[in-house]
Amino acid sequence: MAFPSPKALGAAFPREFLFGVATAAYQIEGALAEDGRGESVWDRFLRQPGLVVDGSDGAVAADHYHRWRGDLGIMTELGLGAYRFSISWSRVQPTGRGAVNEAGLAFYDRLVDGLLERNIEPVATLFHSDMPAALMDLGGWCARETSARFGDFAEHVARRIGDRVGSWFTIAEPYTLMRHSYVLGEHAPGLRLSTGAALPVMHHLLLGHGLAVRAIRSHSRARIGLTNHSSPCRPVSQAAEDVAANTIFDTLRNHTVTDAILLGRYPKELEALPDADWSAVREADFEIIKTPVDWLGLTYFHPIAVSSPKSAAPHGSEPFDITVTGGEPETTMGWPIVPAGLGEVLSALSERYGDRLPPLVITENGCSMPDQLSGEGRVDDPQRIRFLANHLKVLAEAIQSGIRIDGYFIWSFLDHFEWELGYTKRWGIVYVDFDTQQRTLKSSALWYRELIESWRSAQL
C-alpha cells in the first residue's frame, strides 16, 4: 500500500473529526498507594511471581498521576483534539461500593479541567480492566451485583465531571476482558473458566454498561457508547470443524457485544458454544443493555485465523485455536500489519447493522515497535508512521464510502505498562524513559502533529 503524505491524508477527513490519543489508567498512572486509592485486581494479581515477563508492575508506570500537567503540555504541542483516558475505579471508590474517595475523584476533576483549558476534548472511559479487589472477593464480573455497583460508580463520576465531559465510553472491550481475565487467566483477576462458563461475565459487563449509560445521561447531555475489539476472522481450512470453530470465535469477537447493545439479543450462533451458561440472563435485562448509545468505539490491530482446538488446553478453556494472520511485516508483538483488515471490519459492521449502526470511532489502533533513544536524543520509528498512515488511509476511504466515523485515537499516547508483558513493549508515540520518566517525542508524534495541522488548514 502506498504511503500517503500527512498533508494529503489530513485533508481527507471531515471538519468535526476527532484526532486523539488513548491510554488506560493502570498502564500509565502509577501512584498505586497514594491519596486513598484502594487495592485493585491488578495490584493483587501482580503480587504472584512469574506472571509478568520482566517481573514488573504498575507501581510507577509512566507516573502520569504526578506528571499529567506536562503530559497535557505535550498533547497541546501535538495539536491533539481529544484525549481518551480511563478512570481507575479503585481510585474513586476504593472498595467498589459506598463512599467516594474525594482525593481520587479530584484527580480526574483536575485532569478534565486541564484538558478543557487546552482546548482538548476529554473522552472518559469508565472501565478498562481495572476493578477494586474488594468486588472480586464478592465474585467480580461473575456476580450480577457488580453490574449494579458499576452503575453506582458511573453515577458518582458523572455527577462530578458530567457537566464538562461530553464524550464517554462505559466499558472497554467486554469480550476481550472476559477472555483474557476470566478464561485464559493472563490478566487480572486470573480466572480460568471455560468460554461457556464465562458467559455470565460478558452478560454482567453489558448489563453494567446499560446501567452506566443511564447514570451518565442523568447528569450529562453527552455522547455515550462502549468499545469492542474487532478483527476479520477466517477458518484455517474449509473443514467442517474449522468452519464451526471460526463461527463461534467470530461471533464472540465481532458480534456478541454489538448484537446485544444494538439489537437487544445475543447471536443465535452462540447456541453451539459448549457448556454455555445462560443462567445470568433475565428477561428484562436487554431493555437495559440496549439503552440507546450515541457512538460505538472500535479497537483494531490485525486479522485472526481460527481452527478447531488441536488439543485440550490445560484448563479446557476454549473451543477453538486462534493465530494472528496476514503475513509480513510484523510488530514487536509478532502481529502482522494488515490495514485492509480495518476496512473489512468497518464494512462488516455497516452491512450487519445498517441504519441501527451508530457513528463509529476508532478508539485503539497502533503498534508496538523496537523504539530506541539515540545518542542525539531522538526516537525514529518509521515503521509506526507507515502503520498509522496506511490505517488512516483506509479510514478515510471508508468515510468516503458513506460510513460515518467520528474520530481516531492512536494507541497509545505514552509508552506504558503492557499488562503481562511489563515494560518489554513500546506502544507510545511518546517515548518514556522509565528510569528518569523523561518524555521524548518520537518521529511518529511529529508526523501526527503535521497531519493534524494539515487537517486544520484544510478546514479554513
Protein backbone atom coordinates (compact mmCIF):
# COMPACT_ATOMS: atom_id res chain seq x y z
CA MET A 1 0.00 0.00 0.00
CA ALA A 2 1.33 3.44 -0.92
CA PHE A 3 2.47 5.64 1.92
CA PRO A 4 0.21 8.75 1.92
CA SER A 5 1.69 12.08 2.94
CA PRO A 6 0.35 13.73 6.12
CA LYS A 7 -0.76 16.75 4.09
CA ALA A 8 -2.89 14.71 1.69
CA LEU A 9 -4.18 12.48 4.44
CA GLY A 10 -5.17 15.32 6.74
CA ALA A 11 -7.24 16.96 4.02
CA ALA A 12 -9.26 13.75 3.59
CA PHE A 13 -11.04 13.98 6.96
CA PRO A 14 -14.20 15.96 7.76
CA ARG A 15 -14.34 19.15 9.81
CA GLU A 16 -15.74 17.65 13.02
CA PHE A 17 -13.37 14.68 13.11
CA LEU A 18 -11.56 13.96 16.40
CA PHE A 19 -7.84 13.26 16.20
CA GLY A 20 -6.67 11.99 19.56
CA VAL A 21 -4.63 9.56 21.60
CA ALA A 22 -5.66 6.95 24.16
CA THR A 23 -4.35 5.46 27.41
CA ALA A 24 -5.59 3.30 30.29
CA ALA A 25 -5.30 4.26 33.96
CA TYR A 26 -3.42 1.28 35.35
CA GLN A 27 -0.96 1.30 32.48
CA ILE A 28 0.23 4.88 32.96
CA GLU A 29 -0.84 6.44 36.26
CA GLY A 30 1.33 4.77 38.90
CA ALA A 31 0.72 6.13 42.44
CA LEU A 32 -0.99 2.90 43.41
CA ALA A 33 -0.82 3.54 47.16
CA GLU A 34 -1.45 7.30 47.17
CA ASP A 35 -4.39 9.51 48.10
CA GLY A 36 -6.65 6.76 49.37
CA ARG A 37 -6.65 4.54 46.28
CA GLY A 38 -7.91 1.05 47.07
CA GLU A 39 -6.38 -2.25 46.06
CA SER A 40 -7.27 -3.29 42.53
CA VAL A 41 -7.40 -6.74 41.00
CA TRP A 42 -4.19 -5.92 39.15
CA ASP A 43 -2.36 -4.99 42.36
CA ARG A 44 -3.29 -8.35 43.85
CA PHE A 45 -2.70 -10.33 40.65
CA LEU A 46 0.82 -8.99 40.16
CA ARG A 47 1.95 -9.97 43.63
CA GLN A 48 2.05 -13.53 42.33
CA PRO A 49 5.53 -14.32 40.98
CA GLY A 50 6.16 -15.15 37.36
CA LEU A 51 3.04 -13.59 35.83
CA VAL A 52 4.84 -10.70 34.10
CA VAL A 53 7.74 -11.47 31.77
CA ASP A 54 10.08 -8.85 33.25
CA GLY A 55 8.78 -9.13 36.82
CA SER A 56 7.49 -5.55 36.78
CA ASP A 57 4.22 -3.96 37.84
CA GLY A 58 2.32 -0.69 37.50
CA ALA A 59 3.56 0.87 40.75
CA VAL A 60 5.12 3.81 38.88
CA ALA A 61 4.40 3.07 35.20
CA ALA A 62 4.63 6.40 33.34
CA ASP A 63 3.92 8.34 36.57
CA HIS A 64 1.07 10.16 34.85
CA TYR A 65 -0.62 10.74 38.21
CA HIS A 66 2.13 13.21 39.09
CA ARG A 67 3.19 14.28 35.60
CA TRP A 68 -0.20 14.85 33.98
CA ARG A 69 0.32 18.59 33.52
CA GLY A 70 3.47 18.01 31.50
CA ASP A 71 1.73 15.27 29.53
CA LEU A 72 -1.11 17.63 28.69
CA GLY A 73 1.51 20.12 27.56
CA ILE A 74 2.80 17.53 25.10
CA MET A 75 -0.76 16.98 23.84
CA THR A 76 -1.06 20.71 23.26
CA GLU A 77 2.26 20.72 21.41
CA LEU A 78 0.94 17.97 19.14
CA GLY A 79 -2.29 19.85 18.44
CA LEU A 80 -4.47 16.97 19.62
CA GLY A 81 -8.22 17.45 19.55
CA ALA A 82 -9.10 14.79 22.12
CA TYR A 83 -7.67 12.57 24.83
CA ARG A 84 -9.28 9.24 25.69
CA PHE A 85 -8.34 8.24 29.24
CA SER A 86 -9.78 5.70 31.65
CA ILE A 87 -10.82 6.21 35.25
CA SER A 88 -9.49 3.96 38.00
CA TRP A 89 -12.49 2.58 39.87
CA SER A 90 -10.19 1.79 42.83
CA ARG A 91 -9.03 5.40 42.95
CA VAL A 92 -12.55 6.80 43.01
CA GLN A 93 -14.28 4.10 45.08
CA PRO A 94 -11.63 2.08 46.93
CA THR A 95 -13.85 -0.94 47.65
CA GLY A 96 -16.16 -0.51 44.67
CA ARG A 97 -19.03 0.33 46.99
CA GLY A 98 -20.07 3.09 49.32
CA ALA A 99 -18.39 6.43 49.81
CA VAL A 100 -16.36 8.16 47.15
CA ASN A 101 -12.69 8.86 47.74
CA GLU A 102 -12.58 12.62 47.28
CA ALA A 103 -8.84 12.77 46.57
CA GLY A 104 -9.11 10.17 43.84
CA LEU A 105 -12.07 11.81 42.14
CA ALA A 106 -10.36 15.19 42.41
CA PHE A 107 -7.51 13.90 40.23
CA TYR A 108 -9.88 13.34 37.32
CA ASP A 109 -11.58 16.66 38.07
CA ARG A 110 -8.24 18.42 37.62
CA LEU A 111 -7.40 16.37 34.54
CA VAL A 112 -10.66 17.30 32.83
CA ASP A 113 -10.23 20.98 33.64
CA GLY A 114 -6.65 20.86 32.37
CA LEU A 115 -7.78 19.36 29.08
CA LEU A 116 -10.53 21.91 28.59
CA GLU A 117 -8.15 24.77 29.36
CA ARG A 118 -6.01 23.49 26.49
CA ASN A 119 -8.97 23.01 24.10
CA ILE A 120 -8.57 19.24 24.15
CA GLU A 121 -11.78 17.26 24.42
CA PRO A 122 -11.84 14.86 27.38
CA VAL A 123 -13.11 11.41 26.40
CA ALA A 124 -13.64 9.33 29.53
CA THR A 125 -13.71 5.53 29.69
CA LEU A 126 -15.18 4.27 32.94
CA PHE A 127 -13.71 0.77 32.94
CA HIS A 128 -10.54 -0.53 31.31
CA SER A 129 -9.70 -3.83 33.00
CA ASP A 130 -9.07 -2.38 36.47
CA MET A 131 -11.65 -3.07 39.23
CA PRO A 132 -11.47 -2.89 43.04
CA ALA A 133 -10.20 -6.14 44.53
CA ALA A 134 -12.91 -5.98 47.20
CA LEU A 135 -15.53 -6.51 44.48
CA MET A 136 -13.60 -9.51 43.19
CA ASP A 137 -13.93 -11.01 46.66
CA LEU A 138 -17.69 -10.87 46.06
CA GLY A 139 -17.46 -12.55 42.65
CA GLY A 140 -16.24 -9.79 40.35
CA TRP A 141 -17.95 -9.78 36.97
CA CYS A 142 -19.19 -13.32 37.63
CA ALA A 143 -21.66 -11.72 40.08
CA ARG A 144 -24.73 -9.78 39.00
CA GLU A 145 -24.27 -7.37 41.89
CA THR A 146 -21.14 -5.99 40.23
CA SER A 147 -23.30 -4.60 37.41
CA ALA A 148 -25.30 -2.59 39.93
CA ARG A 149 -22.14 -1.39 41.66
CA PHE A 150 -20.75 -0.28 38.29
CA GLY A 151 -23.90 1.72 37.68
CA ASP A 152 -23.36 3.43 41.03
CA PHE A 153 -19.74 4.15 40.14
CA ALA A 154 -20.87 5.75 36.87
CA GLU A 155 -23.33 7.86 38.82
CA HIS A 156 -20.62 9.16 41.16
CA VAL A 157 -18.24 10.02 38.33
CA ALA A 158 -20.87 11.59 36.09
CA ARG A 159 -22.23 13.68 38.94
CA ARG A 160 -18.75 15.14 39.42
CA ILE A 161 -17.44 15.66 35.87
CA GLY A 162 -20.51 15.12 33.66
CA ASP A 163 -21.03 18.85 33.31
CA ARG A 164 -17.71 19.10 31.46
CA VAL A 165 -17.20 15.72 29.80
CA GLY A 166 -19.27 15.42 26.67
CA SER A 167 -17.86 12.11 25.37
CA TRP A 168 -17.88 8.79 27.23
CA PHE A 169 -17.22 5.11 26.83
CA THR A 170 -18.53 2.86 29.56
CA ILE A 171 -16.51 -0.35 29.18
CA ALA A 172 -13.50 -1.20 27.05
CA GLU A 173 -13.78 -4.44 25.08
CA PRO A 174 -16.11 -6.72 27.10
CA TYR A 175 -15.25 -9.93 25.26
CA THR A 176 -11.51 -9.24 25.37
CA LEU A 177 -11.77 -8.71 29.11
CA MET A 178 -13.84 -11.87 29.57
CA ARG A 179 -11.40 -13.92 27.52
CA HIS A 180 -8.07 -12.74 28.92
CA SER A 181 -9.16 -12.24 32.53
CA TYR A 182 -11.73 -14.98 33.14
CA VAL A 183 -10.89 -17.70 30.58
CA LEU A 184 -7.17 -17.59 29.75
CA GLY A 185 -6.11 -16.24 33.13
CA GLU A 186 -3.46 -13.99 31.54
CA HIS A 187 -4.90 -10.79 33.02
CA ALA A 188 -6.26 -9.93 36.43
CA PRO A 189 -8.07 -11.49 38.23
CA GLY A 190 -6.58 -14.55 36.51
CA LEU A 191 -9.55 -16.90 36.45
CA ARG A 192 -9.57 -19.94 34.15
CA LEU A 193 -13.14 -20.76 33.25
CA SER A 194 -14.34 -22.38 30.06
CA THR A 195 -15.73 -19.96 27.48
CA GLY A 196 -19.25 -21.26 28.07
CA ALA A 197 -18.93 -20.95 31.85
CA ALA A 198 -17.65 -17.36 31.49
CA LEU A 199 -20.73 -16.10 29.61
CA PRO A 200 -22.16 -14.55 32.81
CA VAL A 201 -19.08 -12.29 32.85
CA MET A 202 -19.97 -10.95 29.41
CA HIS A 203 -23.63 -10.54 30.36
CA HIS A 204 -22.85 -8.67 33.58
CA LEU A 205 -20.42 -6.37 31.79
CA LEU A 206 -23.11 -5.49 29.26
CA LEU A 207 -25.72 -5.06 31.96
CA GLY A 208 -23.32 -2.76 33.78
CA HIS A 209 -22.81 -0.86 30.53
CA GLY A 210 -26.55 -0.23 30.19
CA LEU A 211 -26.86 0.93 33.79
CA ALA A 212 -23.87 3.23 33.32
CA VAL A 213 -25.35 4.78 30.18
CA ARG A 214 -28.48 5.65 32.13
CA ALA A 215 -26.47 7.06 35.03
CA ILE A 216 -24.35 9.28 32.78
CA ARG A 217 -27.41 10.55 30.91
CA SER A 218 -28.92 11.73 34.18
CA HIS A 219 -26.02 14.17 34.57
CA SER A 220 -24.74 14.92 31.09
CA ARG A 221 -26.02 15.66 27.61
CA ALA A 222 -23.18 13.59 26.24
CA ARG A 223 -22.42 11.06 23.55
CA ILE A 224 -22.01 7.67 25.18
CA GLY A 225 -21.03 4.22 23.95
CA LEU A 226 -18.69 1.33 24.65
CA THR A 227 -15.76 -0.13 22.76
CA ASN A 228 -15.42 -3.51 21.06
CA HIS A 229 -12.29 -5.24 19.81
CA SER A 230 -12.98 -6.44 16.27
CA SER A 231 -10.96 -8.48 13.77
CA PRO A 232 -11.62 -10.18 10.44
CA CYS A 233 -11.81 -13.89 11.33
CA ARG A 234 -11.33 -16.74 8.87
CA PRO A 235 -11.15 -20.53 9.27
CA VAL A 236 -7.76 -22.01 8.50
CA SER A 237 -9.46 -24.50 6.20
CA GLN A 238 -12.90 -25.39 4.91
CA ALA A 239 -13.01 -28.50 7.09
CA ALA A 240 -16.30 -28.56 8.97
CA GLU A 241 -14.65 -28.43 12.38
CA ASP A 242 -12.54 -25.37 11.47
CA VAL A 243 -15.53 -23.55 9.99
CA ALA A 244 -17.56 -24.29 13.13
CA ALA A 245 -14.77 -23.08 15.40
CA ASN A 246 -14.40 -19.89 13.36
CA THR A 247 -18.14 -19.22 13.57
CA ILE A 248 -18.03 -19.35 17.37
CA PHE A 249 -14.94 -17.16 17.72
CA ASP A 250 -16.08 -14.67 15.07
CA THR A 251 -19.41 -14.37 16.85
CA LEU A 252 -17.80 -13.80 20.24
CA ARG A 253 -15.21 -11.37 18.94
CA ASN A 254 -17.25 -9.36 16.48
CA HIS A 255 -20.98 -9.73 17.06
CA THR A 256 -21.95 -10.60 20.63
CA VAL A 257 -21.39 -7.16 22.14
CA THR A 258 -22.85 -5.22 19.22
CA ASP A 259 -25.86 -7.53 18.77
CA ALA A 260 -26.66 -7.13 22.45
CA ILE A 261 -26.50 -3.33 22.57
CA LEU A 262 -27.91 -2.61 19.10
CA LEU A 263 -30.39 -5.46 18.58
CA GLY A 264 -31.21 -6.43 22.14
CA ARG A 265 -30.25 -10.11 21.84
CA TYR A 266 -27.33 -12.49 21.69
CA PRO A 267 -26.41 -14.10 18.35
CA LYS A 268 -28.02 -17.47 17.69
CA GLU A 269 -24.60 -18.85 16.71
CA LEU A 270 -23.70 -18.95 20.40
CA GLU A 271 -26.17 -21.78 20.82
CA ALA A 272 -23.36 -24.03 19.53
CA LEU A 273 -20.99 -22.97 22.32
CA PRO A 274 -20.23 -25.97 24.54
CA ASP A 275 -21.40 -25.79 28.18
CA ALA A 276 -22.94 -22.36 27.62
CA ASP A 277 -24.19 -20.88 30.90
CA TRP A 278 -27.13 -18.56 30.24
CA SER A 279 -28.32 -18.55 33.86
CA ALA A 280 -27.34 -14.89 34.31
CA VAL A 281 -29.76 -13.67 31.63
CA ARG A 282 -33.09 -12.31 32.84
CA GLU A 283 -35.96 -11.32 30.58
CA ALA A 284 -35.82 -7.61 31.33
CA ASP A 285 -32.03 -7.28 31.07
CA PHE A 286 -31.94 -6.44 27.38
CA GLU A 287 -34.12 -3.40 27.93
CA ILE A 288 -31.23 -2.06 29.98
CA ILE A 289 -28.43 -3.40 27.78
CA LYS A 290 -29.89 -1.88 24.61
CA THR A 291 -30.30 1.58 26.14
CA PRO A 292 -29.52 3.72 23.07
CA VAL A 293 -25.89 4.66 22.51
CA ASP A 294 -24.57 7.62 20.55
CA TRP A 295 -21.40 6.08 19.15
CA LEU A 296 -19.52 2.80 19.09
CA GLY A 297 -15.81 2.51 19.80
CA LEU A 298 -13.70 0.10 17.79
CA THR A 299 -10.30 -1.44 18.51
CA TYR A 300 -8.46 -2.90 15.53
CA PHE A 301 -4.98 -4.42 15.33
CA HIS A 302 -4.92 -7.48 13.00
CA PRO A 303 -6.93 -10.32 11.39
CA ILE A 304 -7.25 -13.74 13.01
CA ALA A 305 -7.21 -17.31 11.67
CA VAL A 306 -9.28 -19.86 13.57
CA SER A 307 -9.14 -23.65 13.77
CA SER A 308 -10.71 -26.32 15.89
CA PRO A 309 -8.69 -26.98 19.05
CA LYS A 310 -5.84 -29.35 18.32
CA SER A 311 -5.61 -30.46 21.93
CA ALA A 312 -7.42 -29.69 25.13
CA ALA A 313 -5.99 -26.66 26.90
CA PRO A 314 -4.74 -27.27 30.45
CA HIS A 315 -7.97 -25.79 31.77
CA GLY A 316 -10.22 -26.83 28.89
CA SER A 317 -10.89 -23.18 28.18
CA GLU A 318 -11.79 -22.54 24.54
CA PRO A 319 -13.46 -24.48 21.72
CA PHE A 320 -11.07 -23.00 19.13
CA ASP A 321 -7.43 -22.23 18.47
CA ILE A 322 -6.51 -18.82 17.07
CA THR A 323 -3.47 -17.31 15.41
CA VAL A 324 -2.92 -13.82 14.09
CA THR A 325 -2.61 -13.81 10.34
CA GLY A 326 -1.83 -11.71 7.31
CA GLY A 327 1.89 -12.08 6.68
CA GLU A 328 4.70 -9.57 6.96
CA PRO A 329 5.64 -7.09 8.22
CA GLU A 330 5.15 -7.65 11.93
CA THR A 331 5.15 -5.54 15.07
CA THR A 332 7.21 -6.47 18.13
CA MET A 333 4.06 -8.21 19.39
CA GLY A 334 4.51 -10.59 16.45
CA TRP A 335 1.34 -9.24 14.85
CA PRO A 336 1.05 -8.77 11.09
CA ILE A 337 0.28 -5.31 9.78
CA VAL A 338 -2.88 -5.54 7.66
CA PRO A 339 -4.54 -2.11 7.19
CA ALA A 340 -7.15 -3.60 4.83
CA GLY A 341 -8.49 -5.58 7.77
CA LEU A 342 -9.74 -2.35 9.31
CA GLY A 343 -11.76 -1.68 6.18
CA GLU A 344 -13.21 -5.20 6.36
CA VAL A 345 -14.34 -4.66 9.93
CA LEU A 346 -15.95 -1.31 9.13
CA SER A 347 -17.78 -2.69 6.09
CA ALA A 348 -18.98 -5.74 8.01
CA LEU A 349 -20.44 -3.56 10.76
CA SER A 350 -22.21 -1.36 8.23
CA GLU A 351 -23.65 -4.35 6.40
CA ARG A 352 -24.78 -6.17 9.54
CA TYR A 353 -26.49 -3.26 11.32
CA GLY A 354 -27.43 -0.79 8.60
CA ASP A 355 -29.33 2.17 9.98
CA ARG A 356 -29.02 0.80 13.51
CA LEU A 357 -25.26 1.32 13.50
CA PRO A 358 -24.34 4.49 15.41
CA PRO A 359 -21.40 6.65 14.39
CA LEU A 360 -18.11 4.80 14.84
CA VAL A 361 -14.86 5.95 16.40
CA ILE A 362 -11.55 4.11 16.29
CA THR A 363 -10.66 4.07 19.97
CA GLU A 364 -7.49 1.97 19.69
CA ASN A 365 -5.20 1.49 16.70
CA GLY A 366 -1.44 1.48 16.82
CA CYS A 367 1.56 -0.79 17.16
CA SER A 368 4.49 -1.75 19.34
CA MET A 369 7.82 -1.22 17.63
CA PRO A 370 11.54 -1.60 18.52
CA ASP A 371 11.90 2.03 19.59
CA GLN A 372 15.29 3.17 20.83
CA LEU A 373 16.52 6.51 22.10
CA SER A 374 19.52 7.59 20.04
CA GLY A 375 22.60 9.32 21.38
CA GLU A 376 21.22 12.54 19.90
CA GLY A 377 18.03 12.16 21.95
CA ARG A 378 15.84 11.12 19.01
CA VAL A 379 13.46 8.22 18.60
CA ASP A 380 12.88 7.42 14.93
CA ASP A 381 10.02 5.00 14.31
CA PRO A 382 9.31 5.00 10.56
CA GLN A 383 7.52 1.62 10.81
CA ARG A 384 4.92 3.17 13.13
CA ILE A 385 4.43 6.15 10.81
CA ARG A 386 3.77 3.79 7.92
CA PHE A 387 1.37 1.77 10.10
CA LEU A 388 -0.62 4.86 11.13
CA ALA A 389 -0.64 6.42 7.66
CA ASN A 390 -1.92 3.30 5.93
CA HIS A 391 -4.61 2.62 8.53
CA LEU A 392 -5.76 6.23 8.36
CA LYS A 393 -5.89 5.97 4.57
CA VAL A 394 -8.26 3.00 4.91
CA LEU A 395 -10.31 5.02 7.38
CA ALA A 396 -10.58 7.97 5.01
CA GLU A 397 -11.73 5.63 2.23
CA ALA A 398 -14.40 4.17 4.49
CA ILE A 399 -15.68 7.65 5.29
CA GLN A 400 -15.80 8.46 1.58
CA SER A 401 -17.84 5.30 1.02
CA GLY A 402 -20.53 6.60 3.38
CA ILE A 403 -19.64 5.02 6.72
CA ARG A 404 -19.82 7.63 9.47
CA ILE A 405 -16.64 7.67 11.57
CA ASP A 406 -16.23 10.46 14.09
CA GLY A 407 -12.70 10.01 15.38
CA TYR A 408 -9.39 8.18 15.59
CA PHE A 409 -7.35 7.59 18.74
CA ILE A 410 -3.81 6.28 18.50
CA TRP A 411 -2.94 3.52 20.92
CA SER A 412 -1.02 4.76 22.67
CA PHE A 413 0.00 8.23 23.76
CA LEU A 414 2.80 7.08 26.09
CA ASP A 415 4.95 4.02 26.43
CA HIS A 416 3.37 2.16 29.33
CA PHE A 417 2.99 -0.98 31.43
CA GLU A 418 1.75 -3.58 28.93
CA TRP A 419 -0.01 -5.96 31.31
CA GLU A 420 1.65 -9.43 31.39
CA LEU A 421 4.38 -8.12 29.04
CA GLY A 422 5.51 -5.46 31.52
CA TYR A 423 7.76 -2.82 30.00
CA THR A 424 9.10 -5.01 27.22
CA LYS A 425 6.88 -3.48 24.50
CA ARG A 426 6.70 0.14 23.43
CA TRP A 427 3.38 1.34 22.03
CA GLY A 428 3.53 5.10 22.54
CA ILE A 429 4.11 7.91 20.13
CA VAL A 430 5.89 9.47 23.11
CA TYR A 431 8.94 7.62 24.42
CA VAL A 432 9.17 7.21 28.19
CA ASP A 433 12.49 6.54 29.92
CA PHE A 434 11.11 4.56 32.86
CA ASP A 435 14.22 5.26 34.97
CA THR A 436 14.05 9.04 34.66
CA GLN A 437 10.45 9.50 33.40
CA GLN A 438 11.84 11.75 30.67
CA ARG A 439 9.45 12.09 27.71
CA THR A 440 10.71 12.25 24.12
CA LEU A 441 8.51 12.81 21.10
CA LYS A 442 9.02 10.00 18.60
CA SER A 443 9.07 10.84 14.91
CA SER A 444 5.54 9.37 14.72
CA ALA A 445 4.33 12.04 17.14
CA LEU A 446 5.80 14.76 14.95
CA TRP A 447 4.19 13.12 11.90
CA TYR A 448 0.81 13.04 13.67
CA ARG A 449 1.19 16.73 14.50
CA GLU A 450 1.83 17.51 10.84
CA LEU A 451 -1.22 15.51 9.80
CA ILE A 452 -3.43 17.37 12.30
CA GLU A 453 -2.05 20.72 11.15
CA SER A 454 -2.84 19.79 7.56
CA TRP A 455 -6.35 18.73 8.53
CA ARG A 456 -6.95 22.02 10.32
CA SER A 457 -5.58 24.02 7.39
CA ALA A 458 -7.93 22.20 5.02
CA GLN A 459 -10.91 23.38 7.06
CA LEU A 460 -10.06 27.09 6.62
